[in-house]
């Protein structure tokens, strides 16, 4: 039996909610061109992602990666925090990096 490696999809978005336990809502924006009018439009979609260590806060920029189904709507997990929310102090940033 051969093992087949598949490339998993990743997306970058902003955390808009972290109210549930070990789950965050990530808003992903992508630009598309309207087929008739050729105007660039932002398409937005929200994804539920698994945050094992509950480190994400609202406003953080995160990278999410596809994973096996974890619940009815949760099929993504947090791979890394790309950027922190701008309202944090340096002390909070150091605590979260550890």
PDB file of N, CA and C in Angstrom:
ATOM      1  N   UNK A   1       0.835  -1.166   0.000  1.00  0.00           N
ATOM      2  CA  UNK A   1       0.000   0.000   0.000  1.00  0.00           C
ATOM      3  C   UNK A   1       0.892   1.245   0.000  1.00  0.00           C
ATOM      4  N   UNK A   2       0.674   2.103  -0.961  1.00  0.00           N
ATOM      5  CA  UNK A   2       1.475   3.314  -1.091  1.00  0.00           C
ATOM      6  C   UNK A   2       0.821   4.456  -0.322  1.00  0.00           C
ATOM      7  N   UNK A   3       1.661   5.270   0.278  1.00  0.00           N
ATOM      8  CA  UNK A   3       1.119   6.460   0.933  1.00  0.00           C
ATOM      9  C   UNK A   3       1.192   7.621  -0.050  1.00  0.00           C
ATOM     10  N   UNK A   4       0.068   8.261  -0.246  1.00  0.00           N
ATOM     11  CA  UNK A   4      -0.014   9.369  -1.183  1.00  0.00           C
ATOM     12  C   UNK A   4      -0.071  10.663  -0.383  1.00  0.00           C
ATOM     13  N   UNK A   5       0.856  11.580  -0.682  1.00  0.00           N
ATOM     14  CA  UNK A   5       0.859  12.868  -0.009  1.00  0.00           C
ATOM     15  C   UNK A   5      -0.008  13.839  -0.789  1.00  0.00           C
ATOM     16  N   UNK A   6      -0.866  14.540  -0.094  1.00  0.00           N
ATOM     17  CA  UNK A   6      -1.682  15.559  -0.728  1.00  0.00           C
ATOM     18  C   UNK A   6      -1.301  16.919  -0.162  1.00  0.00           C
ATOM     19  N   UNK A   7      -1.337  17.908  -0.999  1.00  0.00           N
ATOM     20  CA  UNK A   7      -1.048  19.268  -0.559  1.00  0.00           C
ATOM     21  C   UNK A   7      -2.330  19.854   0.017  1.00  0.00           C
ATOM     22  N   UNK A   8      -2.269  20.302   1.258  1.00  0.00           N
ATOM     23  CA  UNK A   8      -3.456  20.827   1.911  1.00  0.00           C
ATOM     24  C   UNK A   8      -3.574  22.325   1.661  1.00  0.00           C
ATOM     25  N   UNK A   9      -4.787  22.769   1.475  1.00  0.00           N
ATOM     26  CA  UNK A   9      -5.063  24.164   1.198  1.00  0.00           C
ATOM     27  C   UNK A   9      -4.841  25.012   2.445  1.00  0.00           C
ATOM     28  N   UNK A  10      -4.220  26.165   2.251  1.00  0.00           N
ATOM     29  CA  UNK A  10      -4.060  27.117   3.348  1.00  0.00           C
ATOM     30  C   UNK A  10      -4.691  28.438   2.940  1.00  0.00           C
ATOM     31  N   UNK A  11      -5.163  29.177   3.924  1.00  0.00           N
ATOM     32  CA  UNK A  11      -5.750  30.488   3.697  1.00  0.00           C
ATOM     33  C   UNK A  11      -5.278  31.419   4.806  1.00  0.00           C
ATOM     34  N   UNK A  12      -5.242  32.710   4.511  1.00  0.00           N
ATOM     35  CA  UNK A  12      -4.865  33.709   5.507  1.00  0.00           C
ATOM     36  C   UNK A  12      -6.072  34.607   5.741  1.00  0.00           C
ATOM     37  N   UNK A  13      -6.382  34.831   7.019  1.00  0.00           N
ATOM     38  CA  UNK A  13      -7.537  35.646   7.357  1.00  0.00           C
ATOM     39  C   UNK A  13      -7.394  36.291   8.720  1.00  0.00           C
ATOM     40  N   UNK A  14      -8.444  36.985   9.129  1.00  0.00           N
ATOM     41  CA  UNK A  14      -8.462  37.725  10.387  1.00  0.00           C
ATOM     42  C   UNK A  14      -9.457  37.060  11.336  1.00  0.00           C
ATOM     43  N   UNK A  15      -9.052  36.898  12.588  1.00  0.00           N
ATOM     44  CA  UNK A  15      -9.939  36.324  13.599  1.00  0.00           C
ATOM     45  C   UNK A  15     -10.995  37.370  13.959  1.00  0.00           C
ATOM     46  N   UNK A  16     -12.280  37.004  13.796  1.00  0.00           N
ATOM     47  CA  UNK A  16     -13.365  37.930  14.115  1.00  0.00           C
ATOM     48  C   UNK A  16     -14.129  37.517  15.370  1.00  0.00           C
ATOM     49  N   UNK A  17     -13.948  36.274  15.824  1.00  0.00           N
ATOM     50  CA  UNK A  17     -14.617  35.822  17.041  1.00  0.00           C
ATOM     51  C   UNK A  17     -13.831  34.681  17.669  1.00  0.00           C
ATOM     52  N   UNK A  18     -13.761  34.692  19.003  1.00  0.00           N
ATOM     53  CA  UNK A  18     -13.120  33.590  19.720  1.00  0.00           C
ATOM     54  C   UNK A  18     -13.934  33.229  20.963  1.00  0.00           C
ATOM     55  N   UNK A  19     -15.248  33.259  20.841  1.00  0.00           N
ATOM     56  CA  UNK A  19     -16.129  33.044  21.987  1.00  0.00           C
ATOM     57  C   UNK A  19     -16.259  31.574  22.370  1.00  0.00           C
ATOM     58  N   UNK A  20     -16.142  30.670  21.414  1.00  0.00           N
ATOM     59  CA  UNK A  20     -16.301  29.242  21.709  1.00  0.00           C
ATOM     60  C   UNK A  20     -14.986  28.658  22.218  1.00  0.00           C
ATOM     61  N   UNK A  21     -15.075  27.537  22.916  1.00  0.00           N
ATOM     62  CA  UNK A  21     -13.870  26.878  23.420  1.00  0.00           C
ATOM     63  C   UNK A  21     -13.123  26.222  22.265  1.00  0.00           C
ATOM     64  N   UNK A  22     -11.832  26.532  22.158  1.00  0.00           N
ATOM     65  CA  UNK A  22     -10.931  25.949  21.162  1.00  0.00           C
ATOM     66  C   UNK A  22     -11.412  26.131  19.723  1.00  0.00           C
ATOM     67  N   UNK A  23     -12.231  27.149  19.482  1.00  0.00           N
ATOM     68  CA  UNK A  23     -12.722  27.439  18.142  1.00  0.00           C
ATOM     69  C   UNK A  23     -12.678  28.941  17.907  1.00  0.00           C
ATOM     70  N   UNK A  24     -12.198  29.337  16.727  1.00  0.00           N
ATOM     71  CA  UNK A  24     -12.213  30.743  16.332  1.00  0.00           C
ATOM     72  C   UNK A  24     -12.898  30.853  14.976  1.00  0.00           C
ATOM     73  N   UNK A  25     -13.472  32.024  14.723  1.00  0.00           N
ATOM     74  CA  UNK A  25     -14.055  32.312  13.422  1.00  0.00           C
ATOM     75  C   UNK A  25     -13.069  33.192  12.674  1.00  0.00           C
ATOM     76  N   UNK A  26     -12.694  32.753  11.467  1.00  0.00           N
ATOM     77  CA  UNK A  26     -11.697  33.463  10.666  1.00  0.00           C
ATOM     78  C   UNK A  26     -12.374  33.993   9.404  1.00  0.00           C
ATOM     79  N   UNK A  27     -12.229  35.292   9.148  1.00  0.00           N
ATOM     80  CA  UNK A  27     -12.777  35.921   7.957  1.00  0.00           C
ATOM     81  C   UNK A  27     -11.681  35.987   6.897  1.00  0.00           C
ATOM     82  N   UNK A  28     -11.940  35.355   5.752  1.00  0.00           N
ATOM     83  CA  UNK A  28     -10.970  35.321   4.653  1.00  0.00           C
ATOM     84  C   UNK A  28     -11.523  36.149   3.502  1.00  0.00           C
ATOM     85  N   UNK A  29     -10.721  37.096   3.016  1.00  0.00           N
ATOM     86  CA  UNK A  29     -11.104  37.918   1.868  1.00  0.00           C
ATOM     87  C   UNK A  29     -10.252  37.544   0.675  1.00  0.00           C
ATOM     88  N   UNK A  30     -10.888  37.521  -0.505  1.00  0.00           N
ATOM     89  CA  UNK A  30     -10.129  37.281  -1.729  1.00  0.00           C
ATOM     90  C   UNK A  30     -10.705  38.155  -2.833  1.00  0.00           C
ATOM     91  N   UNK A  31      -9.848  38.779  -3.615  1.00  0.00           N
ATOM     92  CA  UNK A  31     -10.347  39.624  -4.699  1.00  0.00           C
ATOM     93  C   UNK A  31     -10.702  38.791  -5.929  1.00  0.00           C
ATOM     94  N   UNK A  32     -11.835  39.102  -6.549  1.00  0.00           N
ATOM     95  CA  UNK A  32     -12.196  38.469  -7.821  1.00  0.00           C
ATOM     96  C   UNK A  32     -12.627  39.568  -8.785  1.00  0.00           C
ATOM     97  N   UNK A  33     -12.536  39.276 -10.058  1.00  0.00           N
ATOM     98  CA  UNK A  33     -12.956  40.228 -11.078  1.00  0.00           C
ATOM     99  C   UNK A  33     -14.346  39.842 -11.576  1.00  0.00           C
ATOM    100  N   UNK A  34     -15.258  40.812 -11.594  1.00  0.00           N
ATOM    101  CA  UNK A  34     -16.613  40.560 -12.080  1.00  0.00           C
ATOM    102  C   UNK A  34     -16.543  40.201 -13.561  1.00  0.00           C
ATOM    103  N   UNK A  35     -17.244  39.143 -13.944  1.00  0.00           N
ATOM    104  CA  UNK A  35     -17.104  38.628 -15.312  1.00  0.00           C
ATOM    105  C   UNK A  35     -17.646  39.575 -16.375  1.00  0.00           C
ATOM    106  N   UNK A  36     -18.652  40.390 -16.046  1.00  0.00           N
ATOM    107  CA  UNK A  36     -19.236  41.286 -17.036  1.00  0.00           C
ATOM    108  C   UNK A  36     -18.657  42.695 -16.944  1.00  0.00           C
ATOM    109  N   UNK A  37     -18.568  43.227 -15.737  1.00  0.00           N
ATOM    110  CA  UNK A  37     -18.167  44.620 -15.559  1.00  0.00           C
ATOM    111  C   UNK A  37     -16.680  44.806 -15.281  1.00  0.00           C
ATOM    112  N   UNK A  38     -15.958  43.736 -15.070  1.00  0.00           N
ATOM    113  CA  UNK A  38     -14.500  43.742 -14.884  1.00  0.00           C
ATOM    114  C   UNK A  38     -14.041  44.521 -13.650  1.00  0.00           C
ATOM    115  N   UNK A  39     -14.959  44.791 -12.736  1.00  0.00           N
ATOM    116  CA  UNK A  39     -14.594  45.473 -11.502  1.00  0.00           C
ATOM    117  C   UNK A  39     -14.085  44.438 -10.505  1.00  0.00           C
ATOM    118  N   UNK A  40     -13.072  44.809  -9.728  1.00  0.00           N
ATOM    119  CA  UNK A  40     -12.542  43.897  -8.721  1.00  0.00           C
ATOM    120  C   UNK A  40     -13.401  44.016  -7.462  1.00  0.00           C
ATOM    121  N   UNK A  41     -13.888  42.864  -7.009  1.00  0.00           N
ATOM    122  CA  UNK A  41     -14.778  42.779  -5.855  1.00  0.00           C
ATOM    123  C   UNK A  41     -14.114  41.919  -4.792  1.00  0.00           C
ATOM    124  N   UNK A  42     -14.327  42.251  -3.521  1.00  0.00           N
ATOM    125  CA  UNK A  42     -13.813  41.421  -2.429  1.00  0.00           C
ATOM    126  C   UNK A  42     -14.867  40.385  -2.059  1.00  0.00           C
ATOM    127  N   UNK A  43     -14.524  39.124  -2.182  1.00  0.00           N
ATOM    128  CA  UNK A  43     -15.388  38.039  -1.716  1.00  0.00           C
ATOM    129  C   UNK A  43     -14.950  37.705  -0.304  1.00  0.00           C
ATOM    130  N   UNK A  44     -15.899  37.564   0.612  1.00  0.00           N
ATOM    131  CA  UNK A  44     -15.587  37.264   2.008  1.00  0.00           C
ATOM    132  C   UNK A  44     -16.275  35.975   2.410  1.00  0.00           C
ATOM    133  N   UNK A  45     -15.576  35.175   3.200  1.00  0.00           N
ATOM    134  CA  UNK A  45     -16.155  33.951   3.718  1.00  0.00           C
ATOM    135  C   UNK A  45     -15.605  33.700   5.111  1.00  0.00           C
ATOM    136  N   UNK A  46     -16.470  33.210   5.997  1.00  0.00           N
ATOM    137  CA  UNK A  46     -16.059  32.897   7.363  1.00  0.00           C
ATOM    138  C   UNK A  46     -15.843  31.399   7.498  1.00  0.00           C
ATOM    139  N   UNK A  47     -14.755  31.040   8.163  1.00  0.00           N
ATOM    140  CA  UNK A  47     -14.425  29.647   8.425  1.00  0.00           C
ATOM    141  C   UNK A  47     -14.294  29.450   9.930  1.00  0.00           C
ATOM    142  N   UNK A  48     -14.776  28.306  10.429  1.00  0.00           N
ATOM    143  CA  UNK A  48     -14.528  27.930  11.814  1.00  0.00           C
ATOM    144  C   UNK A  48     -13.233  27.142  11.842  1.00  0.00           C
ATOM    145  N   UNK A  49     -12.322  27.516  12.719  1.00  0.00           N
ATOM    146  CA  UNK A  49     -11.017  26.863  12.790  1.00  0.00           C
ATOM    147  C   UNK A  49     -10.721  26.432  14.220  1.00  0.00           C
ATOM    148  N   UNK A  50      -9.993  25.335  14.343  1.00  0.00           N
ATOM    149  CA  UNK A  50      -9.635  24.775  15.643  1.00  0.00           C
ATOM    150  C   UNK A  50      -8.395  25.484  16.177  1.00  0.00           C
ATOM    151  N   UNK A  51      -8.494  26.000  17.394  1.00  0.00           N
ATOM    152  CA  UNK A  51      -7.387  26.685  18.066  1.00  0.00           C
ATOM    153  C   UNK A  51      -7.076  25.896  19.334  1.00  0.00           C
ATOM    154  N   UNK A  52      -6.185  24.932  19.228  1.00  0.00           N
ATOM    155  CA  UNK A  52      -5.913  23.983  20.310  1.00  0.00           C
ATOM    156  C   UNK A  52      -5.495  24.661  21.606  1.00  0.00           C
ATOM    157  N   UNK A  53      -4.615  25.651  21.530  1.00  0.00           N
ATOM    158  CA  UNK A  53      -4.071  26.274  22.732  1.00  0.00           C
ATOM    159  C   UNK A  53      -4.759  27.592  23.090  1.00  0.00           C
ATOM    160  N   UNK A  54      -5.769  27.972  22.358  1.00  0.00           N
ATOM    161  CA  UNK A  54      -6.560  29.187  22.592  1.00  0.00           C
ATOM    162  C   UNK A  54      -5.684  30.434  22.700  1.00  0.00           C
ATOM    163  N   UNK A  55      -4.756  30.591  21.766  1.00  0.00           N
ATOM    164  CA  UNK A  55      -3.847  31.742  21.761  1.00  0.00           C
ATOM    165  C   UNK A  55      -4.363  32.888  20.892  1.00  0.00           C
ATOM    166  N   UNK A  56      -5.283  32.617  19.985  1.00  0.00           N
ATOM    167  CA  UNK A  56      -5.761  33.642  19.057  1.00  0.00           C
ATOM    168  C   UNK A  56      -6.702  34.612  19.751  1.00  0.00           C
ATOM    169  N   UNK A  57      -6.555  35.884  19.388  1.00  0.00           N
ATOM    170  CA  UNK A  57      -7.441  36.926  19.890  1.00  0.00           C
ATOM    171  C   UNK A  57      -8.082  37.616  18.697  1.00  0.00           C
ATOM    172  N   UNK A  58      -9.166  38.323  18.952  1.00  0.00           N
ATOM    173  CA  UNK A  58      -9.870  39.035  17.890  1.00  0.00           C
ATOM    174  C   UNK A  58      -8.929  40.067  17.275  1.00  0.00           C
ATOM    175  N   UNK A  59      -8.835  40.071  15.955  1.00  0.00           N
ATOM    176  CA  UNK A  59      -7.965  41.005  15.245  1.00  0.00           C
ATOM    177  C   UNK A  59      -6.658  40.397  14.782  1.00  0.00           C
ATOM    178  N   UNK A  60      -6.309  39.210  15.260  1.00  0.00           N
ATOM    179  CA  UNK A  60      -5.072  38.550  14.842  1.00  0.00           C
ATOM    180  C   UNK A  60      -5.178  38.070  13.397  1.00  0.00           C
ATOM    181  N   UNK A  61      -4.086  38.191  12.662  1.00  0.00           N
ATOM    182  CA  UNK A  61      -3.996  37.635  11.314  1.00  0.00           C
ATOM    183  C   UNK A  61      -3.433  36.223  11.457  1.00  0.00           C
ATOM    184  N   UNK A  62      -4.147  35.213  10.911  1.00  0.00           N
ATOM    185  CA  UNK A  62      -3.748  33.820  11.091  1.00  0.00           C
ATOM    186  C   UNK A  62      -3.731  33.085   9.755  1.00  0.00           C
ATOM    187  N   UNK A  63      -2.953  32.012   9.710  1.00  0.00           N
ATOM    188  CA  UNK A  63      -2.961  31.100   8.565  1.00  0.00           C
ATOM    189  C   UNK A  63      -3.688  29.841   9.014  1.00  0.00           C
ATOM    190  N   UNK A  64      -4.702  29.421   8.234  1.00  0.00           N
ATOM    191  CA  UNK A  64      -5.443  28.205   8.553  1.00  0.00           C
ATOM    192  C   UNK A  64      -5.158  27.158   7.488  1.00  0.00           C
ATOM    193  N   UNK A  65      -5.237  25.885   7.881  1.00  0.00           N
ATOM    194  CA  UNK A  65      -4.935  24.780   6.980  1.00  0.00           C
ATOM    195  C   UNK A  65      -6.070  23.765   7.068  1.00  0.00           C
ATOM    196  N   UNK A  66      -6.357  23.132   5.949  1.00  0.00           N
ATOM    197  CA  UNK A  66      -7.404  22.112   5.911  1.00  0.00           C
ATOM    198  C   UNK A  66      -7.030  20.924   6.777  1.00  0.00           C
ATOM    199  N   UNK A  67      -8.029  20.308   7.382  1.00  0.00           N
ATOM    200  CA  UNK A  67      -7.811  19.126   8.202  1.00  0.00           C
ATOM    201  C   UNK A  67      -9.047  18.240   8.101  1.00  0.00           C
ATOM    202  N   UNK A  68      -9.013  17.129   8.799  1.00  0.00           N
ATOM    203  CA  UNK A  68     -10.174  16.236   8.785  1.00  0.00           C
ATOM    204  C   UNK A  68     -11.341  16.927   9.483  1.00  0.00           C
ATOM    205  N   UNK A  69     -12.565  16.505   9.229  1.00  0.00           N
ATOM    206  CA  UNK A  69     -13.704  17.125   9.909  1.00  0.00           C
ATOM    207  C   UNK A  69     -13.619  16.953  11.426  1.00  0.00           C
ATOM    208  N   UNK A  70     -13.673  18.063  12.146  1.00  0.00           N
ATOM    209  CA  UNK A  70     -13.613  18.044  13.600  1.00  0.00           C
ATOM    210  C   UNK A  70     -15.000  18.197  14.221  1.00  0.00           C
ATOM    211  N   UNK A  71     -15.930  18.773  13.487  1.00  0.00           N
ATOM    212  CA  UNK A  71     -17.320  18.896  13.920  1.00  0.00           C
ATOM    213  C   UNK A  71     -18.158  19.145  12.669  1.00  0.00           C
ATOM    214  N   UNK A  72     -19.411  19.523  12.861  1.00  0.00           N
ATOM    215  CA  UNK A  72     -20.310  19.709  11.720  1.00  0.00           C
ATOM    216  C   UNK A  72     -19.791  20.770  10.739  1.00  0.00           C
ATOM    217  N   UNK A  73     -19.272  21.887  11.256  1.00  0.00           N
ATOM    218  CA  UNK A  73     -18.813  22.973  10.388  1.00  0.00           C
ATOM    219  C   UNK A  73     -17.315  23.244  10.459  1.00  0.00           C
ATOM    220  N   UNK A  74     -16.593  22.549  11.321  1.00  0.00           N
ATOM    221  CA  UNK A  74     -15.176  22.861  11.547  1.00  0.00           C
ATOM    222  C   UNK A  74     -14.283  21.879  10.800  1.00  0.00           C
ATOM    223  N   UNK A  75     -13.618  22.373   9.727  1.00  0.00           N
ATOM    224  CA  UNK A  75     -12.721  21.555   8.916  1.00  0.00           C
ATOM    225  C   UNK A  75     -11.363  22.215   8.715  1.00  0.00           C
ATOM    226  N   UNK A  76     -11.038  23.202   9.522  1.00  0.00           N
ATOM    227  CA  UNK A  76      -9.789  23.947   9.425  1.00  0.00           C
ATOM    228  C   UNK A  76      -9.165  24.020  10.811  1.00  0.00           C
ATOM    229  N   UNK A  77      -7.843  24.212  10.852  1.00  0.00           N
ATOM    230  CA  UNK A  77      -7.158  24.429  12.121  1.00  0.00           C
ATOM    231  C   UNK A  77      -6.137  25.545  11.936  1.00  0.00           C
ATOM    232  N   UNK A  78      -5.787  26.190  13.041  1.00  0.00           N
ATOM    233  CA  UNK A  78      -4.820  27.285  13.005  1.00  0.00           C
ATOM    234  C   UNK A  78      -3.428  26.696  12.814  1.00  0.00           C
ATOM    235  N   UNK A  79      -2.743  27.126  11.747  1.00  0.00           N
ATOM    236  CA  UNK A  79      -1.376  26.672  11.520  1.00  0.00           C
ATOM    237  C   UNK A  79      -0.396  27.593  12.236  1.00  0.00           C
ATOM    238  N   UNK A  80      -0.605  28.910  12.100  1.00  0.00           N
ATOM    239  CA  UNK A  80       0.270  29.867  12.781  1.00  0.00           C
ATOM    240  C   UNK A  80      -0.411  31.223  12.863  1.00  0.00           C
ATOM    241  N   UNK A  81       0.059  32.026  13.806  1.00  0.00           N
ATOM    242  CA  UNK A  81      -0.400  33.407  13.918  1.00  0.00           C
ATOM    243  C   UNK A  81       0.584  34.256  13.124  1.00  0.00           C
ATOM    244  N   UNK A  82       0.089  34.875  12.054  1.00  0.00           N
ATOM    245  CA  UNK A  82       0.951  35.649  11.154  1.00  0.00           C
ATOM    246  C   UNK A  82       1.192  37.045  11.711  1.00  0.00           C
ATOM    247  N   UNK A  83       0.138  37.697  12.189  1.00  0.00           N
ATOM    248  CA  UNK A  83       0.268  39.036  12.754  1.00  0.00           C
ATOM    249  C   UNK A  83      -0.636  39.185  13.954  1.00  0.00           C
ATOM    250  N   UNK A  84      -0.178  39.911  14.954  1.00  0.00           N
ATOM    251  CA  UNK A  84      -0.961  40.101  16.167  1.00  0.00           C
ATOM    252  C   UNK A  84      -1.855  41.325  16.034  1.00  0.00           C
ATOM    253  N   UNK A  85      -2.905  41.370  16.831  1.00  0.00           N
ATOM    254  CA  UNK A  85      -3.823  42.506  16.790  1.00  0.00           C
ATOM    255  C   UNK A  85      -3.094  43.766  17.253  1.00  0.00           C
ATOM    256  N   UNK A  86      -3.395  44.914  16.670  1.00  0.00           N
ATOM    257  CA  UNK A  86      -2.634  46.131  16.963  1.00  0.00           C
ATOM    258  C   UNK A  86      -2.865  46.704  18.352  1.00  0.00           C
ATOM    259  N   UNK A  87      -3.863  46.251  19.094  1.00  0.00           N
ATOM    260  CA  UNK A  87      -4.187  46.856  20.386  1.00  0.00           C
ATOM    261  C   UNK A  87      -3.451  46.223  21.563  1.00  0.00           C
ATOM    262  N   UNK A  88      -2.485  45.362  21.298  1.00  0.00           N
ATOM    263  CA  UNK A  88      -1.804  44.675  22.385  1.00  0.00           C
ATOM    264  C   UNK A  88      -0.547  45.421  22.836  1.00  0.00           C
ATOM    265  N   UNK A  89      -0.208  45.236  24.094  1.00  0.00           N
ATOM    266  CA  UNK A  89       1.016  45.824  24.620  1.00  0.00           C
ATOM    267  C   UNK A  89       2.174  44.859  24.374  1.00  0.00           C
ATOM    268  N   UNK A  90       3.378  45.334  24.562  1.00  0.00           N
ATOM    269  CA  UNK A  90       4.565  44.491  24.342  1.00  0.00           C
ATOM    270  C   UNK A  90       4.611  43.317  25.311  1.00  0.00           C
ATOM    271  N   UNK A  91       4.133  43.524  26.530  1.00  0.00           N
ATOM    272  CA  UNK A  91       4.137  42.452  27.527  1.00  0.00           C
ATOM    273  C   UNK A  91       3.231  41.299  27.082  1.00  0.00           C
ATOM    274  N   UNK A  92       2.044  41.621  26.577  1.00  0.00           N
ATOM    275  CA  UNK A  92       1.119  40.587  26.099  1.00  0.00           C
ATOM    276  C   UNK A  92       1.705  39.842  24.907  1.00  0.00           C
ATOM    277  N   UNK A  93       2.409  40.565  24.043  1.00  0.00           N
ATOM    278  CA  UNK A  93       3.020  39.934  22.872  1.00  0.00           C
ATOM    279  C   UNK A  93       4.071  38.928  23.308  1.00  0.00           C
ATOM    280  N   UNK A  94       4.906  39.288  24.278  1.00  0.00           N
ATOM    281  CA  UNK A  94       5.944  38.377  24.769  1.00  0.00           C
ATOM    282  C   UNK A  94       5.337  37.134  25.416  1.00  0.00           C
ATOM    283  N   UNK A  95       4.249  37.302  26.170  1.00  0.00           N
ATOM    284  CA  UNK A  95       3.600  36.160  26.819  1.00  0.00           C
ATOM    285  C   UNK A  95       3.034  35.188  25.801  1.00  0.00           C
ATOM    286  N   UNK A  96       2.474  35.695  24.716  1.00  0.00           N
ATOM    287  CA  UNK A  96       1.855  34.833  23.707  1.00  0.00           C
ATOM    288  C   UNK A  96       2.882  34.134  22.831  1.00  0.00           C
ATOM    289  N   UNK A  97       4.051  34.738  22.675  1.00  0.00           N
ATOM    290  CA  UNK A  97       5.100  34.124  21.851  1.00  0.00           C
ATOM    291  C   UNK A  97       5.670  32.876  22.507  1.00  0.00           C
ATOM    292  N   UNK A  98       5.636  32.813  23.837  1.00  0.00           N
ATOM    293  CA  UNK A  98       6.238  31.695  24.567  1.00  0.00           C
ATOM    294  C   UNK A  98       5.428  30.443  24.482  1.00  0.00           C
TER     295      UNK A  98
END
